[in-house]
Each structure stands twice: as structure tokens, then as C-alpha cells.
N, C-alpha and C. Protein backbone atom coordinates (compact mmCIF):
# COMPACT_ATOMS: atom_id res chain seq x y z
N MET A 1 -13.36 4.91 7.01
CA MET A 1 -13.27 4.52 6.05
C MET A 1 -14.44 3.75 5.13
N MET A 2 -15.34 4.44 4.89
CA MET A 2 -16.09 3.16 4.24
C MET A 2 -15.70 1.95 3.48
N ASN A 3 -15.97 0.75 3.62
CA ASN A 3 -15.57 -0.23 2.65
C ASN A 3 -16.70 -0.33 1.40
N SER A 4 -15.69 0.04 -0.13
CA SER A 4 -16.30 0.57 -1.22
C SER A 4 -16.26 -0.59 -1.88
N ASN A 5 -15.68 -1.82 -1.54
CA ASN A 5 -15.34 -2.46 -2.68
C ASN A 5 -16.58 -3.62 -2.39
N HIS A 6 -17.66 -3.75 -1.99
CA HIS A 6 -18.99 -4.45 -2.51
C HIS A 6 -18.30 -6.05 -2.04
N ASN A 7 -17.98 -6.65 -1.09
CA ASN A 7 -17.46 -7.62 -0.63
C ASN A 7 -17.01 -8.72 -1.32
N VAL A 8 -15.93 -7.74 -2.68
CA VAL A 8 -15.12 -8.22 -3.48
C VAL A 8 -13.85 -8.74 -2.30
N VAL A 9 -13.27 -7.85 -1.68
CA VAL A 9 -12.38 -8.58 -0.95
C VAL A 9 -12.56 -8.51 0.26
N GLN A 10 -12.41 -9.42 1.30
CA GLN A 10 -12.13 -9.75 2.65
C GLN A 10 -10.92 -9.81 3.56
N ARG A 11 -10.73 -9.69 4.22
CA ARG A 11 -9.61 -9.49 5.27
C ARG A 11 -9.98 -10.05 6.68
N TYR A 12 -8.71 -11.03 7.29
CA TYR A 12 -8.86 -11.36 8.54
C TYR A 12 -7.92 -11.48 9.37
N ASN A 13 -7.85 -11.77 10.25
CA ASN A 13 -6.69 -11.92 11.21
C ASN A 13 -6.93 -13.47 12.08
N PRO A 14 -6.49 -14.54 11.47
CA PRO A 14 -6.76 -15.86 12.39
C PRO A 14 -6.50 -16.02 13.75
N GLU A 15 -7.84 -16.39 14.73
CA GLU A 15 -7.43 -16.66 16.33
C GLU A 15 -6.14 -17.45 16.03
N ASN A 16 -6.02 -18.73 15.30
CA ASN A 16 -4.58 -18.98 15.95
C ASN A 16 -3.13 -19.08 15.50
N ILE A 17 -3.48 -17.92 15.11
CA ILE A 17 -1.86 -17.17 15.04
C ILE A 17 -1.98 -16.37 15.71
N ALA A 18 -0.02 -15.60 15.99
CA ALA A 18 -0.04 -14.42 16.83
C ALA A 18 -0.83 -13.27 15.91
N LYS A 19 -1.21 -12.27 16.60
CA LYS A 19 -1.76 -10.93 15.75
C LYS A 19 -0.88 -10.59 15.11
N PRO A 20 -0.96 -9.81 13.62
CA PRO A 20 -0.26 -9.17 13.15
C PRO A 20 0.96 -8.07 13.99
N VAL A 21 1.97 -8.20 13.72
CA VAL A 21 3.29 -7.21 14.55
C VAL A 21 2.83 -5.78 13.65
N GLY A 22 2.51 -5.46 12.66
CA GLY A 22 2.14 -4.23 12.07
C GLY A 22 0.51 -3.91 12.02
N GLY A 23 0.39 -2.76 11.23
CA GLY A 23 -0.75 -2.81 10.53
C GLY A 23 -0.83 -3.35 9.35
N TYR A 24 -1.43 -4.50 9.08
CA TYR A 24 -1.78 -5.20 8.00
C TYR A 24 -2.49 -6.63 8.77
N SER A 25 -3.56 -7.16 7.51
CA SER A 25 -3.79 -8.33 7.76
C SER A 25 -3.25 -9.57 7.14
N HIS A 26 -3.45 -10.40 7.99
CA HIS A 26 -2.63 -11.93 7.87
C HIS A 26 -3.28 -12.43 6.18
N VAL A 27 -4.82 -12.71 6.47
CA VAL A 27 -5.54 -13.33 5.10
C VAL A 27 -6.14 -12.10 4.36
N THR A 28 -5.92 -12.25 3.12
CA THR A 28 -6.68 -11.25 2.13
C THR A 28 -7.81 -12.48 1.31
N LYS A 29 -8.84 -12.15 0.95
CA LYS A 29 -9.76 -13.04 0.57
C LYS A 29 -10.39 -12.51 -0.77
N ILE A 30 -9.95 -12.84 -1.71
CA ILE A 30 -10.87 -12.42 -2.85
C ILE A 30 -11.88 -13.27 -3.63
N SER A 31 -12.81 -12.59 -3.94
CA SER A 31 -14.33 -12.99 -4.09
C SER A 31 -13.38 -13.55 -5.68
N ARG A 32 -14.57 -15.18 -6.04
CA ARG A 32 -14.07 -15.65 -7.51
C ARG A 32 -14.61 -14.87 -8.71
N HIS A 33 -15.37 -13.65 -8.95
CA HIS A 33 -15.82 -13.02 -9.59
C HIS A 33 -14.99 -11.65 -9.79
N ALA A 34 -14.46 -11.60 -9.04
CA ALA A 34 -13.28 -10.20 -9.45
C ALA A 34 -12.67 -9.97 -10.41
N GLU A 35 -12.02 -8.95 -11.11
CA GLU A 35 -11.18 -8.90 -11.91
C GLU A 35 -9.78 -8.61 -11.20
N MET A 36 -8.73 -9.20 -11.18
CA MET A 36 -7.34 -8.86 -10.38
C MET A 36 -6.51 -7.23 -11.30
N TYR A 37 -6.18 -6.33 -10.67
CA TYR A 37 -5.41 -5.65 -11.21
C TYR A 37 -3.79 -5.31 -10.81
N VAL A 38 -3.00 -5.33 -10.90
CA VAL A 38 -1.56 -5.24 -10.85
C VAL A 38 -1.26 -4.03 -11.14
N PHE A 39 -0.37 -3.25 -10.59
CA PHE A 39 -0.02 -1.98 -10.38
C PHE A 39 1.49 -1.78 -10.76
N SER A 40 2.23 -1.35 -11.71
CA SER A 40 3.61 -0.75 -11.58
C SER A 40 4.21 -0.61 -9.98
N GLY A 41 5.05 -0.68 -10.01
CA GLY A 41 5.10 0.22 -8.30
C GLY A 41 5.34 1.54 -8.03
N GLN A 42 4.78 1.88 -7.38
CA GLN A 42 4.27 3.10 -6.62
C GLN A 42 5.72 4.09 -6.61
N VAL A 43 5.52 5.19 -6.72
CA VAL A 43 7.36 5.22 -6.14
C VAL A 43 6.91 7.51 -5.65
N GLY A 44 7.26 7.93 -4.78
CA GLY A 44 7.11 9.25 -4.05
C GLY A 44 7.35 10.29 -5.61
N VAL A 45 7.06 10.56 -6.71
CA VAL A 45 7.41 11.13 -7.74
C VAL A 45 5.91 12.17 -7.49
N ASP A 46 6.41 13.73 -7.45
CA ASP A 46 5.24 14.71 -7.51
C ASP A 46 4.48 14.78 -9.04
N MET A 47 3.82 15.56 -8.88
CA MET A 47 2.89 15.89 -10.19
C MET A 47 3.84 16.62 -11.88
N ASN A 48 4.91 17.64 -10.70
CA ASN A 48 5.68 17.77 -11.87
C ASN A 48 7.13 17.53 -12.36
N GLU A 49 6.83 15.73 -11.87
CA GLU A 49 7.89 15.02 -11.89
C GLU A 49 9.20 15.32 -10.90
N HIS A 50 8.70 15.70 -9.75
CA HIS A 50 9.86 16.13 -8.90
C HIS A 50 10.02 14.80 -7.68
N ILE A 51 11.40 14.21 -7.55
CA ILE A 51 11.48 13.33 -6.27
C ILE A 51 11.65 13.85 -5.42
N PRO A 52 10.88 14.34 -3.80
CA PRO A 52 11.80 14.63 -2.80
C PRO A 52 13.60 14.03 -2.25
N SER A 53 13.92 14.45 -2.05
CA SER A 53 14.96 14.32 -1.60
C SER A 53 14.67 13.83 0.52
N ASP A 54 13.57 13.89 0.83
CA ASP A 54 13.15 13.59 2.53
C ASP A 54 12.00 12.31 2.26
N PHE A 55 12.63 11.71 2.99
CA PHE A 55 12.03 9.82 3.03
C PHE A 55 10.61 9.88 3.27
N ASN A 56 10.31 10.91 4.15
CA ASN A 56 8.89 10.89 4.43
C ASN A 56 7.96 11.68 4.04
N GLN A 57 8.65 12.50 2.84
CA GLN A 57 7.64 13.13 1.83
C GLN A 57 7.11 11.80 0.54
N GLN A 58 8.61 11.60 0.39
CA GLN A 58 8.43 10.31 -0.75
C GLN A 58 7.06 9.83 -0.27
N VAL A 59 7.36 8.84 1.21
CA VAL A 59 6.05 8.22 1.74
C VAL A 59 4.93 9.00 1.45
N THR A 60 4.59 9.83 1.62
CA THR A 60 3.53 10.61 1.24
C THR A 60 3.29 10.56 0.05
N ASN A 61 3.96 11.41 -1.03
CA ASN A 61 3.31 11.24 -1.92
C ASN A 61 3.29 9.62 -2.56
N THR A 62 3.93 8.75 -2.20
CA THR A 62 3.75 7.23 -2.67
C THR A 62 2.08 7.20 -2.61
N MET A 63 2.06 7.61 -1.08
CA MET A 63 0.67 6.54 -0.46
C MET A 63 -0.47 7.78 -1.81
N GLY A 64 -0.36 8.73 -1.76
CA GLY A 64 -1.70 9.91 -2.96
C GLY A 64 -1.11 9.15 -4.05
N ASN A 65 0.02 8.96 -5.00
CA ASN A 65 -0.18 8.63 -6.26
C ASN A 65 -0.80 6.99 -6.14
N ILE A 66 -0.76 5.83 -5.16
CA ILE A 66 -1.64 5.12 -5.12
C ILE A 66 -2.89 5.43 -4.94
N VAL A 67 -3.33 5.98 -3.92
CA VAL A 67 -4.84 6.53 -4.28
C VAL A 67 -5.13 7.00 -5.66
N ALA A 68 -4.62 7.84 -6.41
CA ALA A 68 -5.26 8.37 -7.29
C ALA A 68 -4.63 7.41 -8.68
N ILE A 69 -4.20 6.26 -8.19
CA ILE A 69 -4.09 5.00 -9.54
C ILE A 69 -5.06 4.26 -9.35
N LEU A 70 -5.39 3.96 -8.42
CA LEU A 70 -6.60 3.08 -7.73
C LEU A 70 -7.73 3.82 -8.40
N ALA A 71 -8.20 4.94 -8.57
CA ALA A 71 -9.22 6.12 -9.41
C ALA A 71 -8.94 5.91 -9.79
N SER A 72 -8.01 6.04 -10.86
CA SER A 72 -7.92 5.86 -12.40
C SER A 72 -8.76 4.83 -12.62
N GLN A 73 -8.60 3.59 -12.13
CA GLN A 73 -9.34 2.27 -12.51
C GLN A 73 -10.94 2.37 -11.94
N LYS A 74 -11.33 3.31 -11.06
CA LYS A 74 -12.75 3.63 -9.91
C LYS A 74 -12.78 2.15 -9.52
N LEU A 75 -11.42 2.24 -8.65
CA LEU A 75 -11.22 1.59 -7.27
C LEU A 75 -10.76 2.27 -6.42
N THR A 76 -10.79 2.03 -4.96
CA THR A 76 -10.32 2.88 -3.90
C THR A 76 -9.47 1.71 -2.92
N PRO A 77 -8.83 2.08 -1.72
CA PRO A 77 -7.95 1.57 -0.94
C PRO A 77 -8.75 0.35 -0.17
N ASP A 78 -9.79 0.02 -0.51
CA ASP A 78 -10.76 -0.67 0.38
C ASP A 78 -10.06 -1.97 -1.06
N HIS A 79 -10.04 -1.77 -2.14
CA HIS A 79 -10.13 -2.85 -3.34
C HIS A 79 -8.28 -3.41 -2.82
N VAL A 80 -7.51 -2.83 -2.83
CA VAL A 80 -6.09 -3.29 -2.25
C VAL A 80 -6.18 -4.77 -1.55
N VAL A 81 -5.15 -5.24 -2.42
CA VAL A 81 -5.47 -6.49 -1.24
C VAL A 81 -4.11 -7.32 -0.90
N LYS A 82 -2.63 -6.49 -1.78
CA LYS A 82 -1.48 -6.68 -1.24
C LYS A 82 -0.64 -5.77 -0.90
N VAL A 83 0.30 -5.29 -0.51
CA VAL A 83 1.03 -4.68 -0.68
C VAL A 83 2.68 -4.67 -0.37
N ASN A 84 3.43 -4.50 -1.00
CA ASN A 84 4.93 -5.04 -0.80
C ASN A 84 5.57 -3.51 -1.01
N ILE A 85 6.36 -3.78 0.18
CA ILE A 85 6.97 -2.37 0.29
C ILE A 85 8.71 -2.90 0.24
N TRP A 86 9.05 -1.60 -0.32
CA TRP A 86 10.81 -1.61 -0.61
C TRP A 86 10.96 -0.55 -0.14
N ALA A 87 12.17 -0.66 0.50
CA ALA A 87 12.58 0.70 1.18
C ALA A 87 14.30 0.81 1.58
N THR A 88 14.90 1.97 1.46
CA THR A 88 16.16 1.92 0.86
C THR A 88 17.29 2.34 2.10
N GLU A 89 16.06 2.57 3.19
CA GLU A 89 16.33 3.25 4.56
C GLU A 89 15.49 3.15 5.68
N GLU A 90 15.98 2.90 6.90
CA GLU A 90 14.75 2.91 7.73
C GLU A 90 13.60 3.70 7.84
N ILE A 91 12.80 2.62 7.60
CA ILE A 91 11.13 4.02 7.75
C ILE A 91 10.48 4.02 9.44
N ASP A 92 10.27 5.54 9.50
CA ASP A 92 9.75 6.31 10.54
C ASP A 92 8.24 5.79 10.17
N TRP A 93 8.40 4.68 11.30
CA TRP A 93 7.26 4.38 11.16
C TRP A 93 5.40 4.64 11.64
N ASP A 94 5.74 5.63 12.16
CA ASP A 94 5.18 6.93 13.21
C ASP A 94 4.50 7.65 11.67
N HIS A 95 5.46 8.43 10.85
CA HIS A 95 5.04 8.72 9.52
C HIS A 95 4.18 8.09 8.95
N PHE A 96 5.03 6.58 8.49
CA PHE A 96 4.60 6.12 7.74
C PHE A 96 2.79 5.11 7.82
N TYR A 97 2.67 4.95 9.66
CA TYR A 97 1.64 4.51 9.82
C TYR A 97 0.41 5.27 9.97
N GLY A 98 0.85 6.94 10.24
CA GLY A 98 -0.32 7.99 10.37
C GLY A 98 -0.61 7.79 8.76
N ILE A 99 0.03 7.72 7.83
CA ILE A 99 -0.61 7.92 6.34
C ILE A 99 -1.53 6.46 5.97
N TRP A 100 -0.51 5.40 6.25
CA TRP A 100 -1.13 3.82 5.91
C TRP A 100 -2.30 3.41 6.82
N ASN A 101 -2.69 4.13 8.32
CA ASN A 101 -4.16 4.39 8.28
C ASN A 101 -5.16 5.42 7.68
N GLN A 102 -4.49 5.79 7.59
CA GLN A 102 -5.72 7.09 6.94
C GLN A 102 -5.87 6.83 5.48
N THR A 103 -4.77 5.65 5.10
CA THR A 103 -5.28 5.01 3.43
C THR A 103 -6.07 4.03 3.63
N PHE A 104 -5.73 3.22 4.28
CA PHE A 104 -6.30 2.18 4.75
C PHE A 104 -7.11 1.72 5.68
N GLY A 105 -7.57 2.50 6.76
CA GLY A 105 -8.56 2.30 8.17
C GLY A 105 -8.43 1.26 8.59
N ASP A 106 -9.24 0.52 9.15
CA ASP A 106 -9.16 -0.13 10.32
C ASP A 106 -8.84 -1.73 9.86
N THR A 107 -9.09 -1.99 7.90
CA THR A 107 -8.74 -3.13 8.04
C THR A 107 -7.59 -3.38 6.97
N PRO A 108 -6.47 -2.94 6.66
CA PRO A 108 -5.77 -3.01 6.17
C PRO A 108 -4.95 -3.91 5.54
N PRO A 109 -4.39 -3.96 3.86
CA PRO A 109 -4.57 -5.04 3.20
C PRO A 109 -2.97 -5.87 3.56
N SER A 110 -2.84 -6.77 2.85
CA SER A 110 -1.57 -7.77 3.58
C SER A 110 -0.80 -6.98 2.96
N MET A 111 0.78 -7.12 3.67
CA MET A 111 1.65 -6.46 3.56
C MET A 111 2.91 -7.46 3.78
N THR A 112 4.16 -6.96 3.33
CA THR A 112 5.47 -7.40 3.41
C THR A 112 6.11 -6.23 2.94
N ILE A 113 7.06 -6.19 3.67
CA ILE A 113 8.67 -5.17 4.11
C ILE A 113 9.67 -5.57 3.64
N ALA A 114 10.60 -5.16 2.80
CA ALA A 114 11.96 -5.14 2.97
C ALA A 114 12.70 -4.11 2.33
N TYR A 115 14.08 -4.55 2.68
CA TYR A 115 14.76 -3.44 2.67
C TYR A 115 15.44 -4.04 2.07
N VAL A 116 16.31 -2.72 1.39
CA VAL A 116 16.88 -3.08 -0.42
C VAL A 116 17.73 -2.49 -0.06
N GLN A 117 18.90 -2.61 -1.01
CA GLN A 117 20.37 -1.73 -1.29
C GLN A 117 20.09 -0.21 -2.26
N GLY A 118 18.98 -0.79 -3.40
CA GLY A 118 18.78 0.58 -4.15
C GLY A 118 17.20 0.32 -5.20
N LEU A 119 16.62 1.19 -5.67
CA LEU A 119 15.21 1.07 -6.30
C LEU A 119 16.08 1.75 -8.06
N GLY A 120 14.99 1.75 -8.51
CA GLY A 120 15.61 1.73 -10.01
C GLY A 120 16.14 2.94 -10.37
N LEU A 121 15.81 4.25 -9.58
CA LEU A 121 16.84 5.01 -9.80
C LEU A 121 17.18 5.52 -7.82
N PRO A 122 18.57 6.43 -8.41
CA PRO A 122 19.15 6.55 -6.91
C PRO A 122 18.65 7.51 -5.99
N GLU A 123 17.58 8.07 -6.78
CA GLU A 123 16.81 8.93 -5.59
C GLU A 123 15.92 8.62 -5.55
N LEU A 124 14.93 7.23 -5.24
CA LEU A 124 14.56 6.61 -4.94
C LEU A 124 14.44 5.90 -3.50
N LYS A 125 13.62 6.11 -2.41
CA LYS A 125 14.07 5.31 -1.04
C LYS A 125 13.07 4.42 -0.98
N ILE A 126 11.86 4.41 -1.50
CA ILE A 126 10.88 3.89 -1.21
C ILE A 126 9.67 3.51 -2.37
N GLU A 127 9.44 1.96 -2.35
CA GLU A 127 8.40 1.81 -3.49
C GLU A 127 7.20 0.94 -3.36
N LEU A 128 6.44 1.13 -3.74
CA LEU A 128 5.21 0.39 -3.22
C LEU A 128 4.59 -0.37 -4.24
N ASP A 129 4.36 -1.54 -3.87
CA ASP A 129 3.99 -2.67 -5.03
C ASP A 129 2.52 -3.01 -4.79
N VAL A 130 1.36 -2.54 -5.28
CA VAL A 130 -0.03 -2.84 -5.01
C VAL A 130 -1.06 -3.96 -6.13
N TRP A 131 -1.48 -4.31 -4.85
CA TRP A 131 -2.82 -5.50 -6.35
C TRP A 131 -3.68 -5.10 -5.46
N ALA A 132 -4.70 -5.21 -6.45
CA ALA A 132 -5.98 -4.80 -5.67
C ALA A 132 -6.95 -5.99 -6.90
N ALA A 133 -8.25 -5.84 -6.21
CA ALA A 133 -9.29 -7.10 -7.20
C ALA A 133 -10.91 -5.64 -6.93
N GLY A 134 -11.16 -5.79 -8.28
CA GLY A 134 -12.68 -5.09 -8.10
C GLY A 134 -13.24 -5.73 -8.80
């Protein structure tokens, strides 16, 4: 993935702490001249307003929705600085990281994951809260 954030966002994994336990960066630095973007939590609804019952399909749709909402602001996944992940069931990490790595490449944003009892609608199984700078 080509870095298209024009050095607005820089990511690091300091050598004085343990390596990340997943596909994320420990530190994300934002240029002082950047604009911050905070997006509402993105879910697995498709363009026909259908929420699939399959968890992995919700993951796939959610990542596509993130790319689309970023593009609506002329941003790319390279501009994402932090993602909070809320899931109601265990994540299939092979599937998740396949799409995550395809979306964010070799230097992914900072990440937090939490398992919760429920989200805004009972059929939602995953929601990603995305912050970006551009």
C-alpha cells in the first residue's frame, strides 16, 4: 500500500517495549498542522441496508465502509490514527487480519479491542470506531 498521508501520520513501535501482540502500531504521531477526523462507529451494513448474520461478512462490510467513509473526506487508510474494535463474539483473527492487512498494509494504526455484550442493534456483531488525520 502506498503511503498517501504526506507525513501527516507517522507510526512507531519503540524498541524499549514488547512488540505488539497483534497487527497494530504502539505509537501513532499526528502532525501539528493536521485536521482530525472522528467518524461514527462503522458497522457491517451493506448499501442495501442489510446487516448479514455472518460475523466475517460483517467484518468485510465494515472494512469496506471504513474505506468508503475515508474516501468521502479525500482520505485513505494511511490517514487512520486509531481504531477501537467492539465485538460481541470471538473474532476470527485469520479472516480479520486478512482484511485488516489488505486495508492498512505494513504500518497499521493503533488499535484497541474489546468484547462487549451488545452494540446499538441486536444484529450487529462488530463495530469499528475510527479516528483519522489529514
